[in-house]
Amino acid sequence: MPDDQIKQKQHLGMMEYFMKYIHVRDTLKLWEEFLENFKSCILLDKEKGYIYIRNFLWYSDNKLPEDKQPVLEKIITKHLPKKDKEDIMRTIAQKYRDEGIRIGEENMRTIAQKYREEGIKMGQEKGKLEGKLEGKEEGKLEIAKATLLKGYPLEDITLLTGLSRAQIQSIL
């Protein structure tokens, strides 16, 4: 659809214009042309609290490299009435805050998951070690009990198991 027909549709035209050029690589140029071509529609959008401008900003700001975002801000403020610049800039600033919060929350979840996994692994390793030691101790006690029942001398049992006399005598 030609741009002239799109411009006649006011709000819908602004949406169609952005959708038509959504894949244009030069987002800054797209904004410059959009703000020039839709001056009367932007005044209508102002009455609605700049709903369309804000949504276009949210979308295109994500596509724009961080180093070019200040240029976009200048382009937008150049075409808006002075008193509306601050409001729109707050929208951009809020987007950055929201993005920072989202990244921070994402990082916290990642870090928490990492430490949770490390804690589980450490707990499992400690449990295995304790289990092995406990098993060895039980094995020694079983050997000591069996050798005692067969009448082996206490000296031989302590040498064989490594248990103390007191430990062996506690079995009885």
Protein backbone atom coordinates (compact mmCIF):
# COMPACT_ATOMS: atom_id res chain seq x y z
CA MET A 1 0.00 0.00 0.00
CA PRO A 2 1.43 3.43 -0.90
CA ASP A 3 2.46 5.69 1.98
CA ASP A 4 -0.04 8.39 0.90
CA GLN A 5 -2.96 6.01 1.47
CA ILE A 6 -1.51 4.90 4.80
CA LYS A 7 -1.18 8.52 6.00
CA GLN A 8 -4.90 9.14 5.42
CA LYS A 9 -5.89 6.51 8.00
CA GLN A 10 -4.63 8.49 11.01
CA HIS A 11 -4.07 6.16 14.00
CA LEU A 12 -4.46 3.01 11.94
CA GLY A 13 -2.16 4.58 9.38
CA MET A 14 0.58 5.06 11.97
CA MET A 15 0.33 1.38 12.87
CA GLU A 16 0.32 0.31 9.22
CA TYR A 17 3.34 2.51 8.51
CA PHE A 18 5.37 0.91 11.29
CA MET A 19 4.26 -2.56 10.23
CA LYS A 20 5.15 -1.85 6.60
CA TYR A 21 8.68 -0.76 7.51
CA ILE A 22 9.18 -3.03 10.50
CA HIS A 23 12.16 -4.77 8.90
CA VAL A 24 13.98 -1.62 7.82
CA ARG A 25 17.50 -1.72 9.20
CA ASP A 26 17.79 2.01 9.86
CA THR A 27 15.36 2.47 12.74
CA LEU A 28 16.52 6.05 13.28
CA LYS A 29 15.64 6.99 9.70
CA LEU A 30 12.28 5.22 10.07
CA TRP A 31 11.49 7.33 13.14
CA GLU A 32 12.63 10.55 11.46
CA GLU A 33 10.40 9.88 8.43
CA PHE A 34 7.50 8.70 10.58
CA LEU A 35 7.53 11.83 12.73
CA GLU A 36 7.76 14.05 9.64
CA ASN A 37 4.99 12.25 7.72
CA PHE A 38 2.48 11.83 10.56
CA LYS A 39 2.53 15.24 12.29
CA SER A 40 -1.26 15.58 12.31
CA CYS A 41 -1.73 11.98 13.49
CA ILE A 42 0.76 12.53 16.28
CA LEU A 43 -1.41 15.40 17.53
CA LEU A 44 -4.36 12.98 17.62
CA ASP A 45 -2.18 10.43 19.40
CA LYS A 46 -1.29 13.13 21.92
CA GLU A 47 -4.98 13.30 22.90
CA LYS A 48 -4.82 9.57 23.67
CA GLY A 49 -1.68 9.98 25.80
CA TYR A 50 0.68 9.02 22.99
CA ILE A 51 -0.46 5.40 23.06
CA TYR A 52 0.93 4.63 19.61
CA ILE A 53 4.17 6.55 20.02
CA ARG A 54 4.85 4.77 23.32
CA ASN A 55 4.20 1.35 21.82
CA PHE A 56 6.35 2.08 18.78
CA LEU A 57 9.06 3.25 21.16
CA TRP A 58 8.93 0.06 23.21
CA TYR A 59 9.21 -2.03 20.07
CA SER A 60 11.87 -0.11 18.19
CA ASP A 61 13.98 0.67 21.24
CA ASN A 62 14.59 -3.07 21.65
CA LYS A 63 15.84 -3.32 18.07
CA LEU A 64 18.15 -0.34 18.39
CA PRO A 65 21.73 -0.78 19.62
CA GLU A 66 22.35 0.88 22.96
CA ASP A 67 24.80 3.42 21.53
CA LYS A 68 22.11 4.72 19.12
CA GLN A 69 19.33 5.09 21.67
CA PRO A 70 20.31 8.68 22.63
CA VAL A 71 20.03 9.62 18.94
CA LEU A 72 16.49 8.20 18.89
CA GLU A 73 15.65 10.29 21.96
CA LYS A 74 16.88 13.43 20.17
CA ILE A 75 14.85 12.63 17.06
CA ILE A 76 11.70 12.12 19.10
CA THR A 77 12.13 15.21 21.26
CA LYS A 78 12.83 17.30 18.16
CA HIS A 79 9.36 16.50 16.79
CA LEU A 80 7.23 16.66 19.93
CA PRO A 81 5.83 19.69 21.72
CA LYS A 82 8.15 20.85 24.49
CA LYS A 83 5.85 19.92 27.38
CA ASP A 84 5.35 16.36 26.04
CA LYS A 85 9.06 15.60 25.68
CA GLU A 86 9.49 14.87 29.39
CA ASP A 87 6.53 12.50 29.43
CA ILE A 88 7.79 10.51 26.46
CA MET A 89 11.34 10.51 27.86
CA ARG A 90 9.92 9.10 31.11
CA THR A 91 8.47 6.28 29.01
CA ILE A 92 11.94 5.56 27.63
CA ALA A 93 13.50 5.84 31.09
CA GLN A 94 10.86 3.50 32.53
CA LYS A 95 11.65 1.01 29.78
CA TYR A 96 15.32 1.09 30.80
CA ARG A 97 14.39 0.65 34.48
CA ASP A 98 12.05 -2.23 33.66
CA GLU A 99 14.73 -3.85 31.51
CA GLY A 100 17.30 -3.42 34.29
CA ILE A 101 14.93 -4.97 36.82
CA ARG A 102 14.18 -7.86 34.46
CA ILE A 103 17.89 -8.51 33.86
CA GLY A 104 18.60 -8.27 37.59
CA GLU A 105 15.82 -10.73 38.43
CA GLU A 106 17.01 -13.08 35.71
CA ASN A 107 20.57 -12.93 37.05
CA MET A 108 19.36 -13.55 40.60
CA ARG A 109 17.41 -16.61 39.49
CA THR A 110 20.46 -17.93 37.64
CA ILE A 111 22.73 -17.34 40.64
CA ALA A 112 20.22 -18.87 43.06
CA GLN A 113 19.85 -21.94 40.84
CA LYS A 114 23.64 -22.31 40.62
CA TYR A 115 24.06 -22.16 44.40
CA ARG A 116 21.11 -24.49 44.93
CA GLU A 117 22.69 -27.05 42.58
CA GLU A 118 26.09 -26.64 44.26
CA GLY A 119 24.47 -27.08 47.68
CA ILE A 120 22.70 -30.25 46.58
CA LYS A 121 25.91 -31.63 45.08
CA MET A 122 27.89 -30.85 48.24
CA GLY A 123 25.18 -32.43 50.38
CA GLN A 124 25.17 -35.56 48.24
CA GLU A 125 28.97 -35.85 48.39
CA LYS A 126 28.97 -35.36 52.15
CA GLY A 127 26.19 -37.92 52.52
CA LYS A 128 28.10 -40.47 50.42
CA LEU A 129 31.26 -39.95 52.46
CA GLU A 130 29.40 -40.27 55.75
CA GLY A 131 27.63 -43.37 54.44
CA LYS A 132 30.91 -44.98 53.42
CA LEU A 133 32.49 -44.26 56.79
CA GLU A 134 29.43 -45.56 58.61
CA GLY A 135 29.41 -48.69 56.43
CA LYS A 136 33.09 -49.35 57.11
CA GLU A 137 32.51 -48.96 60.84
CA GLU A 138 29.53 -51.33 60.74
CA GLY A 139 31.59 -53.83 58.74
CA LYS A 140 34.37 -53.74 61.33
CA LEU A 141 31.83 -54.28 64.11
CA GLU A 142 30.30 -57.26 62.26
CA ILE A 143 33.73 -58.82 61.74
CA ALA A 144 34.57 -58.22 65.38
CA LYS A 145 31.30 -59.82 66.50
CA ALA A 146 31.77 -62.85 64.23
CA THR A 147 35.37 -63.38 65.35
CA LEU A 148 34.41 -62.98 69.00
CA LEU A 149 31.70 -65.60 68.61
CA LYS A 150 34.25 -67.97 67.06
CA GLY A 151 36.50 -67.48 70.07
CA TYR A 152 39.31 -65.41 68.55
CA PRO A 153 41.52 -63.68 71.11
CA LEU A 154 40.78 -59.97 71.73
CA GLU A 155 44.32 -59.02 70.59
CA ASP A 156 43.80 -60.65 67.17
CA ILE A 157 40.41 -58.96 66.74
CA THR A 158 41.84 -55.47 67.48
CA LEU A 159 44.66 -56.08 64.95
CA LEU A 160 42.22 -57.43 62.37
CA THR A 161 39.56 -54.69 62.67
CA GLY A 162 41.45 -51.68 64.01
CA LEU A 163 38.83 -51.31 66.73
CA SER A 164 39.76 -50.52 70.31
CA ARG A 165 39.32 -53.06 73.13
CA ALA A 166 36.47 -50.92 74.52
CA GLN A 167 34.64 -50.94 71.16
CA ILE A 168 34.99 -54.71 70.86
CA GLN A 169 33.86 -55.29 74.44
CA SER A 170 30.80 -53.08 73.88
CA ILE A 171 29.61 -55.56 71.26
CA LEU A 172 29.11 -58.21 73.93
